[in-house]
């Protein structure tokens, strides 16, 4: 560890150990402390394989300009997730449209076109999990408008 004077510090940044790259997979237990006393509770900690590999949050807002000046551009350039982003987007959109069309076709078969063609309880029963009753639905009341009042039919 290198000790420096406070005046030599340019900015503060957050760094975390890169366990994924190095392959840190060994753990150890330590006792939790509460008000300077050890408790019977234990915490698992990772034993890091080395002290040379760290990840820096380059998207931090409080020191973004300092980080851009300090870190080489080659290390901060974005890495594309897909080689051909547009082709991946088009393929995903086509797949989602097909799923949506298939779902609409199923809905068109299950739901009747007009009122009163299928019992609402049967539709709910068919959509329920096997062995569980379907949801109870409120009864649809029909109203007939008379000259003076509304009658339940």
Foldseek 3Di string as FASTA:
>chain_A
DDDDDPVPDDDDFDKAAPCVVQVFDDKDKDFDDDPNHGDPDIDIDTDGPDDPGIDTDCPDDVCNVVSVVVDDPVVVDDDDPDPDPVVVVVVVVVVVVVVVVVVVVVVPVLDDPDPPPDDPLVSQQVPDDPPDHGDDDDDDWDWDDDPPDIDTD
